């Protein structure tokens, strides 16, 4: 990988530490109050709505400035989020939860836009697979280490201590942003007054053969991803709320992902589309199992979906970045903006379905699971057709 790609990898690693903590322990912090699916769903909905807004704002900033600015803004949003958790508690709990989602969404939206746009501008061909493979290994190591370390800090110093620890990582993000490469859409277009710069049109994003299949894949992926992100946590929280045990269970899930990595690298004869079908089939089986509602079934579900998630994350991301690598820079940026906004919308659709749920049972929950399983099995079908059309385009 190039020097710029290695710097992106380091920044992604730092932000991943904060993301892993946020994904587990801020959700647990909210869940512990009343064990309310509604409260956790509201927080995630608020976060993802502002994530989408921040992603669009950051991409527009990149039409004039380098990635250093939105990465710095991302760190400032992170500092605001943890300061809010440490210093504020409103009488209206639902308002407090909704407001918490704003700086958290801003942190991840600005960071995600900067890194994704940078990847599309500096990444080349096989570099995408190399980058995502290395990032996947780092993510698995962090997924084991961060929950365990955070659990120890919370047990020793309370949540306030862990919020302070995350503030130090956010400060590290802010400092490292000054050393990031000066990647910008302005420099990529070559024309400082390009009238299309900063205008992320739908046609520029999805005006290629196979784009309709990529768009359909993104639509159903948002539903699936949000179900996976939300209920993997809630299944674990239902089994136990012991911080250390939660960390150990996450280590188990991470080991399953590492097993997926080992299998992916060991078996060279299977193409990536077949791996995607395999992974999504595991996800579907895992989601069916949760309908049994037994603690062992919930853990087994998370084991299977963690194994399957490796193949989705590796193949889906690499295919989508390769799909747009031949587009001009503004087309790539347009694709990322529309992809992120589409994912936010469909994530919120899933969260809207979960808001009325009182527990993980009954017809309402079974309906949500059924919708998710259908989306899971459509993803490899849509991806396969998109890549086939993209291959013909290059011919």
Foldseek 3Di string as FASTA:
>chain_A
DDPQLVLLLVLVLLVLLVVLCCLFPVLLVQCVPPVFLQLSLLLVLLQLVLLLVLLLVLQLVLLPFFLLVLLLLLLVLLLVLLVCVQPDDDPPNSVSSSVSSNSNSNNNSSSVNNSQLVCLQPPDDVSLLVSLLVSLVSSLVSLLPSLQVLLVQCVVPNPNSSSVVSNVSSVVSNVSSVVRDRRGLCVQVVDVPPVCRSPLDPCLQQVAFLSVLLLLLLLLVLLQVLCLSSVLNSLLVVLHSNSNVSSVLSNLLSVLLVVLSVVVVVDPPDDLLVLLLVLLVLLLVLLVQCQVVDSVSSSVSSNSNSNSVNSCSSSVVSLVSVLCSPRRSSSSSSNVSVSSVSSSVSNSVLSVLSNVDRDCHDPSNVVSSVSSSVSSNSNSVSSVSSVVRSVVVVD
